[in-house]
Amino acid sequence: MQPRNPSSPVRLALIGAGIFARDAHVPSLLHLPDHFEIVAIYSRTVATASALAETLPNSPKIYTDLTALLADPIVEAVDIILPIDVMASAVAQALASGKHVISEKPLAPDLATGRQLLDAYAQRPSDQVQQVWMVGENWRYEAAFLQAADFVRNGAIGRPITCHVAHYAPVSPTSKYYHSAWRRSGSFPGGYILDGGIHQVASLRLIVGEVAEVSAIMTQVNPTLYPADTISATLHFANGALGTYLASYAVGAPWPAYLHVVGETGHLRVLRGEIELTSQGKTQMVKCEGFDGVQKELAAFATAIREGVPHRNSAQEGLRDLAVVEAMLEAAESGQRVVVHQR
């Protein structure tokens, strides 16, 4: 890796050129020209990588060989935006190369693989101890969720007693994500329930607290959304709060997916972009910036690399998110209450 200039943009390679790279990561990176310079793009095909390169103001190198990209000394960091079933192997290879890494959520398709990645990262050579690894969970950077977490932590609603969230996001042939065949291929546990549900888990953990135990029921309504598309779970939090979580990728509903939290002395409901808080008998609406979590987490990634500033999306946090989702899937399959294993 070429010597870095602490004040220069991070020389970044994109590993993956699919929908989320095009629609979320690239626009966010282009809003951060002082933080990043996209110097390379990897995809399985030249055509896909070149199509993404055409959206950029510069001309990044195109790679179809991941090993060659990771050996390129101009690349300081990589942004891995690959399907869940192939993400872990690319992350392992990138971490071994010594490059800084941001990898999209979930951390891995399952806890066992996630733990292997964390163990390898913990045992990296002494000359790589400054290597940054962030797991991309943009909901942990959404302003409304952070503000709601502050309200709860500062006692605005008293001790949390209950919470619930119902999320409806039907995936049909008219949805751009439907045509990502890997999401419904059955090649990783949970399908859309893992891919989308890990966002809700991250927000629940951030605002309410750690989930200790779960029970769940799961079903498949749409035969094309394998292996399941609808889940209902009961959550027991370590702080004593009880919660319910419902998500369906098979059917829709007109109601926003508010997270409701009821405490001993007040309550709040949270949506990306706004909070309704009732505290001490008074209700207020708090408007927040919304849908900018990807840009904020990428900016934090650059700051962690250049200045050593800690970020919110550690691999350990990603593993804890994954542990909750895996526990829900296990509970649904076994019909038993399941303890969430945080390590």
Protein backbone atom coordinates (compact mmCIF):
# COMPACT_ATOMS: atom_id res chain seq x y z
CA MET A 1 0.00 0.00 0.00
CA GLN A 2 1.42 3.39 -0.98
CA PRO A 3 2.21 5.81 1.90
CA ARG A 4 -0.84 7.80 2.88
CA ASN A 5 -1.23 11.53 3.16
CA PRO A 6 -3.28 12.11 6.34
CA SER A 7 -5.17 14.99 4.75
CA SER A 8 -5.90 13.35 1.40
CA PRO A 9 -9.02 11.39 0.47
CA VAL A 10 -8.94 7.66 1.20
CA ARG A 11 -8.22 5.71 -1.98
CA LEU A 12 -11.18 3.35 -2.07
CA ALA A 13 -12.09 0.31 -4.16
CA LEU A 14 -15.65 -0.89 -4.55
CA ILE A 15 -16.03 -4.66 -4.37
CA GLY A 16 -19.44 -5.26 -5.89
CA ALA A 17 -21.35 -3.25 -8.47
CA GLY A 18 -24.96 -4.20 -7.82
CA ILE A 19 -28.11 -2.32 -6.85
CA PHE A 20 -27.07 -1.07 -3.42
CA ALA A 21 -23.63 -0.05 -4.66
CA ARG A 22 -25.23 1.97 -7.45
CA ASP A 23 -28.18 3.43 -5.54
CA ALA A 24 -26.72 4.05 -2.07
CA HIS A 25 -22.95 3.74 -1.81
CA VAL A 26 -21.82 5.58 -4.94
CA PRO A 27 -24.16 8.60 -4.44
CA SER A 28 -23.03 8.81 -0.79
CA LEU A 29 -19.36 8.59 -1.76
CA LEU A 30 -19.80 11.30 -4.39
CA HIS A 31 -21.09 13.58 -1.61
CA LEU A 32 -17.84 12.97 0.28
CA PRO A 33 -15.11 14.07 -2.15
CA ASP A 34 -12.86 15.23 0.70
CA HIS A 35 -13.11 11.79 2.29
CA PHE A 36 -12.82 9.35 -0.63
CA GLU A 37 -11.47 8.85 -4.11
CA ILE A 38 -12.87 5.77 -5.87
CA VAL A 39 -9.82 4.29 -7.57
CA ALA A 40 -11.04 0.80 -8.51
CA ILE A 41 -14.15 -1.33 -8.98
CA TYR A 42 -14.41 -5.11 -8.80
CA SER A 43 -17.21 -7.20 -10.27
CA ARG A 44 -17.47 -10.67 -11.74
CA THR A 45 -17.90 -9.13 -15.20
CA VAL A 46 -16.19 -6.22 -16.90
CA ALA A 47 -19.55 -4.99 -18.19
CA THR A 48 -21.08 -4.61 -14.72
CA ALA A 49 -18.03 -2.89 -13.26
CA SER A 50 -17.72 -0.61 -16.29
CA ALA A 51 -21.39 0.39 -16.08
CA LEU A 52 -20.87 1.54 -12.50
CA ALA A 53 -17.61 3.29 -13.43
CA GLU A 54 -19.51 5.35 -16.01
CA THR A 55 -21.46 7.01 -13.17
CA LEU A 56 -18.24 8.41 -11.69
CA PRO A 57 -16.44 11.63 -12.61
CA ASN A 58 -13.07 9.83 -12.81
CA SER A 59 -11.97 6.59 -14.48
CA PRO A 60 -11.31 3.92 -11.84
CA LYS A 61 -9.45 0.72 -12.61
CA ILE A 62 -11.69 -2.24 -13.46
CA TYR A 63 -11.02 -5.64 -11.91
CA THR A 64 -12.62 -9.06 -12.26
CA ASP A 65 -9.87 -10.66 -10.15
CA LEU A 66 -10.28 -9.86 -6.44
CA THR A 67 -6.78 -11.04 -5.55
CA ALA A 68 -5.29 -8.65 -8.09
CA LEU A 69 -7.33 -5.73 -6.77
CA LEU A 70 -6.26 -6.40 -3.20
CA ALA A 71 -2.63 -6.51 -4.33
CA ASP A 72 -2.86 -3.09 -5.96
CA PRO A 73 -0.78 -0.69 -3.80
CA ILE A 74 -2.89 2.33 -4.75
CA VAL A 75 -5.92 0.86 -2.94
CA GLU A 76 -6.02 1.83 0.74
CA ALA A 77 -9.50 0.63 1.63
CA VAL A 78 -12.29 -1.48 0.20
CA ASP A 79 -16.06 -1.15 0.33
CA ILE A 80 -17.51 -4.66 0.03
CA ILE A 81 -21.09 -4.72 -1.28
CA LEU A 82 -21.64 -8.33 -2.27
CA PRO A 83 -24.42 -10.91 -1.82
CA ILE A 84 -24.69 -12.38 1.67
CA ASP A 85 -23.68 -15.87 0.56
CA VAL A 86 -20.31 -14.73 -0.86
CA MET A 87 -19.60 -11.75 1.39
CA ALA A 88 -17.66 -13.57 4.12
CA SER A 89 -14.98 -15.02 1.85
CA ALA A 90 -14.34 -11.61 0.30
CA VAL A 91 -14.16 -10.00 3.76
CA ALA A 92 -11.68 -12.64 4.94
CA GLN A 93 -9.50 -12.07 1.88
CA ALA A 94 -9.65 -8.28 2.26
CA LEU A 95 -8.80 -8.40 5.97
CA ALA A 96 -5.85 -10.69 5.25
CA SER A 97 -4.58 -8.20 2.67
CA GLY A 98 -4.24 -5.48 5.32
CA LYS A 99 -6.57 -3.04 3.56
CA HIS A 100 -9.11 -1.11 5.60
CA VAL A 101 -12.54 -2.69 5.16
CA ILE A 102 -16.16 -1.62 5.28
CA SER A 103 -18.42 -4.58 4.50
CA GLU A 104 -22.17 -4.44 4.13
CA LYS A 105 -24.49 -6.01 6.66
CA PRO A 106 -25.01 -8.68 7.77
CA LEU A 107 -21.54 -9.44 9.04
CA ALA A 108 -21.85 -13.01 7.73
CA PRO A 109 -24.62 -15.47 6.81
CA ASP A 110 -24.38 -17.14 10.23
CA LEU A 111 -22.78 -16.72 13.65
CA ALA A 112 -20.16 -19.43 13.18
CA THR A 113 -18.77 -17.70 10.09
CA GLY A 114 -18.99 -14.30 11.75
CA ARG A 115 -16.98 -15.53 14.72
CA GLN A 116 -14.31 -16.93 12.41
CA LEU A 117 -13.97 -13.51 10.77
CA LEU A 118 -13.70 -11.75 14.14
CA ASP A 119 -11.11 -14.24 15.37
CA ALA A 120 -9.00 -13.72 12.24
CA TYR A 121 -9.26 -9.94 12.63
CA ALA A 122 -8.24 -10.16 16.31
CA GLN A 123 -5.19 -12.24 15.39
CA ARG A 124 -3.95 -10.00 12.57
CA PRO A 125 -0.20 -9.26 12.46
CA SER A 126 1.20 -6.45 14.60
CA ASP A 127 1.86 -4.30 11.53
CA GLN A 128 -1.90 -4.34 10.79
CA VAL A 129 -3.19 -3.34 14.24
CA GLN A 130 -4.41 0.00 12.88
CA GLN A 131 -6.50 -1.73 10.22
CA VAL A 132 -10.11 -0.48 10.38
CA TRP A 133 -13.01 -2.86 9.83
CA MET A 134 -16.54 -1.46 9.84
CA VAL A 135 -19.71 -3.46 9.22
CA GLY A 136 -22.15 -1.31 7.27
CA GLU A 137 -25.31 -0.85 9.34
CA ASN A 138 -26.65 2.52 8.21
CA TRP A 139 -29.57 2.48 10.69
CA ARG A 140 -27.06 2.98 13.50
CA TYR A 141 -26.26 6.35 11.92
CA GLU A 142 -29.84 7.56 11.33
CA ALA A 143 -30.45 10.73 13.36
CA ALA A 144 -33.92 9.72 14.62
CA PHE A 145 -32.71 6.42 16.03
CA LEU A 146 -29.75 8.08 17.73
CA GLN A 147 -31.97 10.78 19.24
CA ALA A 148 -34.50 8.19 20.43
CA ALA A 149 -31.69 6.20 22.05
CA ASP A 150 -30.59 9.38 23.85
CA PHE A 151 -34.14 9.99 25.09
CA VAL A 152 -34.35 6.48 26.54
CA ARG A 153 -30.85 6.57 28.00
CA ASN A 154 -31.49 9.94 29.65
CA GLY A 155 -34.73 8.76 31.27
CA ALA A 156 -37.22 10.73 29.19
CA ILE A 157 -39.74 7.85 29.32
CA GLY A 158 -38.44 6.12 32.45
CA ARG A 159 -37.47 2.46 32.37
CA PRO A 160 -38.57 0.80 29.09
CA ILE A 161 -41.36 -1.71 29.72
CA THR A 162 -42.57 -2.75 26.25
CA CYS A 163 -41.84 -2.10 22.60
CA HIS A 164 -43.21 -3.24 19.28
CA VAL A 165 -42.58 -2.75 15.59
CA ALA A 166 -44.43 -4.04 12.52
CA HIS A 167 -42.59 -3.81 9.22
CA TYR A 168 -44.29 -4.54 5.89
CA ALA A 169 -42.10 -4.44 2.78
CA PRO A 170 -43.67 -6.64 0.09
CA VAL A 171 -41.19 -7.92 -2.48
CA SER A 172 -42.76 -8.54 -5.88
CA PRO A 173 -41.52 -8.65 -9.48
CA THR A 174 -42.01 -4.86 -9.59
CA SER A 175 -39.40 -4.44 -6.81
CA LYS A 176 -35.80 -3.91 -7.86
CA TYR A 177 -34.62 -6.20 -5.07
CA TYR A 178 -36.83 -9.07 -6.26
CA HIS A 179 -34.54 -9.53 -9.25
CA SER A 180 -31.51 -10.10 -7.02
CA ALA A 181 -32.01 -13.85 -7.24
CA TRP A 182 -29.49 -14.54 -4.47
CA ARG A 183 -31.83 -12.98 -1.89
CA ARG A 184 -34.39 -15.76 -2.41
CA SER A 185 -32.06 -18.56 -3.44
CA GLY A 186 -31.97 -20.33 -0.09
CA SER A 187 -28.16 -20.08 -0.08
CA PHE A 188 -28.14 -18.42 3.36
CA PRO A 189 -30.47 -18.66 6.40
CA GLY A 190 -33.58 -16.52 6.55
CA GLY A 191 -33.64 -14.93 3.10
CA TYR A 192 -35.22 -11.48 3.27
CA ILE A 193 -35.84 -11.94 7.00
CA LEU A 194 -32.08 -11.81 7.57
CA ASP A 195 -31.31 -9.31 4.82
CA GLY A 196 -33.91 -6.75 5.93
CA GLY A 197 -34.59 -7.77 9.51
CA ILE A 198 -31.08 -7.08 10.68
CA HIS A 199 -31.84 -3.35 10.26
CA GLN A 200 -34.75 -3.53 12.69
CA VAL A 201 -32.66 -5.53 15.14
CA ALA A 202 -29.92 -2.88 15.04
CA SER A 203 -32.44 -0.13 15.83
CA LEU A 204 -34.07 -2.16 18.62
CA ARG A 205 -30.71 -2.84 20.25
CA LEU A 206 -29.69 0.79 19.90
CA ILE A 207 -32.88 2.24 21.39
CA VAL A 208 -34.28 -0.37 23.79
CA GLY A 209 -31.22 -2.46 24.75
CA GLU A 210 -29.70 -5.89 24.34
CA VAL A 211 -32.03 -8.77 23.48
CA ALA A 212 -31.52 -11.71 25.84
CA GLU A 213 -34.07 -14.31 24.67
CA VAL A 214 -36.52 -14.76 21.80
CA SER A 215 -39.37 -16.94 20.65
CA ALA A 216 -40.77 -16.82 17.11
CA ILE A 217 -43.08 -18.20 14.43
CA MET A 218 -42.14 -17.98 10.76
CA THR A 219 -43.88 -18.82 7.50
CA GLN A 220 -43.57 -18.55 3.72
CA VAL A 221 -46.56 -16.89 2.05
CA ASN A 222 -45.06 -16.10 -1.35
CA PRO A 223 -43.65 -19.33 -2.87
CA THR A 224 -40.92 -17.36 -4.68
CA LEU A 225 -39.49 -15.84 -1.47
CA TYR A 226 -37.57 -18.82 -0.20
CA PRO A 227 -37.07 -19.97 2.58
CA ALA A 228 -39.49 -17.70 4.50
CA ASP A 229 -40.96 -14.23 4.15
CA THR A 230 -42.97 -13.50 7.32
CA ILE A 231 -41.95 -13.69 10.97
CA SER A 232 -43.51 -12.80 14.32
CA ALA A 233 -41.18 -12.78 17.33
CA THR A 234 -41.39 -12.05 21.04
CA LEU A 235 -38.30 -10.42 22.52
CA HIS A 236 -37.10 -10.45 26.12
CA PHE A 237 -34.54 -7.69 26.70
CA ALA A 238 -31.72 -7.90 29.22
CA ASN A 239 -33.11 -4.80 30.99
CA GLY A 240 -36.44 -6.56 31.58
CA ALA A 241 -38.40 -4.96 28.73
CA LEU A 242 -40.66 -7.14 26.58
CA GLY A 243 -41.15 -6.58 22.88
CA THR A 244 -42.78 -7.88 19.73
CA TYR A 245 -41.34 -7.82 16.24
CA LEU A 246 -43.36 -8.51 13.09
CA ALA A 247 -41.99 -8.38 9.57
CA SER A 248 -43.43 -9.49 6.27
CA TYR A 249 -41.91 -9.35 2.81
CA ALA A 250 -44.97 -11.07 1.31
CA VAL A 251 -47.77 -8.60 2.04
CA GLY A 252 -48.10 -4.86 2.41
CA ALA A 253 -49.95 -2.46 4.68
CA PRO A 254 -50.52 1.31 4.61
CA TRP A 255 -49.02 1.97 8.06
CA PRO A 256 -45.52 3.32 8.60
CA ALA A 257 -43.16 0.98 10.47
CA TYR A 258 -42.97 2.95 13.70
CA LEU A 259 -40.99 1.51 16.57
CA HIS A 260 -43.08 2.10 19.70
CA VAL A 261 -41.39 2.13 23.10
CA VAL A 262 -43.47 2.49 26.28
CA GLY A 263 -41.74 3.31 29.54
CA GLU A 264 -42.78 3.78 33.16
CA THR A 265 -43.27 7.54 32.76
CA GLY A 266 -43.70 8.15 29.03
CA HIS A 267 -43.52 6.73 25.55
CA LEU A 268 -42.11 7.38 22.12
CA ARG A 269 -42.53 6.19 18.59
CA VAL A 270 -39.76 6.40 16.07
CA LEU A 271 -39.56 6.42 12.30
CA ARG A 272 -36.58 7.29 10.15
CA GLY A 273 -36.87 11.07 10.10
CA GLU A 274 -39.16 11.72 13.07
CA ILE A 275 -39.89 10.96 16.71
CA GLU A 276 -43.07 11.46 18.71
CA LEU A 277 -42.16 11.76 22.38
CA THR A 278 -44.59 11.92 25.31
CA SER A 279 -42.84 12.79 28.54
CA GLN A 280 -44.16 14.39 31.75
CA GLY A 281 -47.62 14.62 30.19
CA LYS A 282 -46.48 16.59 27.15
CA THR A 283 -46.17 15.35 23.58
CA GLN A 284 -43.72 16.76 21.07
CA MET A 285 -42.76 15.93 17.51
CA VAL A 286 -39.05 15.92 16.79
CA LYS A 287 -38.07 16.12 13.14
CA CYS A 288 -34.72 14.62 12.19
CA GLU A 289 -32.63 14.17 9.10
CA GLY A 290 -33.44 10.84 7.52
CA PHE A 291 -32.15 8.35 4.97
CA ASP A 292 -28.57 9.59 5.17
CA GLY A 293 -27.13 6.80 7.29
CA VAL A 294 -24.99 5.35 4.47
CA GLN A 295 -23.29 8.68 3.87
CA LYS A 296 -22.73 9.22 7.60
CA GLU A 297 -21.27 5.77 8.18
CA LEU A 298 -18.95 6.14 5.20
CA ALA A 299 -17.77 9.50 6.53
CA ALA A 300 -17.14 7.84 9.91
CA PHE A 301 -15.18 5.09 8.15
CA ALA A 302 -12.88 7.66 6.56
CA THR A 303 -12.43 9.49 9.86
CA ALA A 304 -11.57 6.23 11.60
CA ILE A 305 -8.89 5.56 8.98
CA ARG A 306 -7.38 9.03 8.88
CA GLU A 307 -7.78 10.10 12.53
CA GLY A 308 -8.31 6.89 14.48
CA VAL A 309 -11.71 8.06 15.73
CA PRO A 310 -13.92 5.16 16.92
CA HIS A 311 -17.08 4.40 14.92
CA ARG A 312 -20.43 2.82 15.87
CA ASN A 313 -20.38 -0.10 13.46
CA SER A 314 -17.75 -2.41 14.90
CA ALA A 315 -17.63 -6.03 13.85
CA GLN A 316 -18.68 -6.92 17.40
CA GLU A 317 -21.87 -4.87 16.97
CA GLY A 318 -22.51 -6.60 13.66
CA LEU A 319 -22.10 -9.97 15.33
CA ARG A 320 -24.60 -9.04 18.06
CA ASP A 321 -27.15 -7.97 15.43
CA LEU A 322 -26.65 -11.28 13.64
CA ALA A 323 -26.98 -13.21 16.91
CA VAL A 324 -30.49 -11.84 17.47
CA VAL A 325 -31.68 -12.67 13.95
CA GLU A 326 -30.16 -16.16 14.10
CA ALA A 327 -31.85 -16.74 17.46
CA MET A 328 -35.22 -15.76 15.96
CA LEU A 329 -34.72 -18.14 13.03
CA GLU A 330 -33.70 -20.93 15.40
CA ALA A 331 -36.69 -20.27 17.68
CA ALA A 332 -39.07 -20.37 14.71
CA GLU A 333 -37.63 -23.66 13.48
CA SER A 334 -37.51 -25.35 16.89
CA GLY A 335 -40.65 -23.92 18.48
CA GLN A 336 -38.56 -23.26 21.58
CA ARG A 337 -37.45 -20.13 23.38
CA VAL A 338 -33.81 -19.38 22.43
CA VAL A 339 -31.12 -17.52 24.34
CA VAL A 340 -29.25 -14.94 22.27
CA HIS A 341 -25.53 -15.74 22.37
CA GLN A 342 -23.71 -12.41 22.23
CA ARG A 343 -20.35 -13.99 21.42
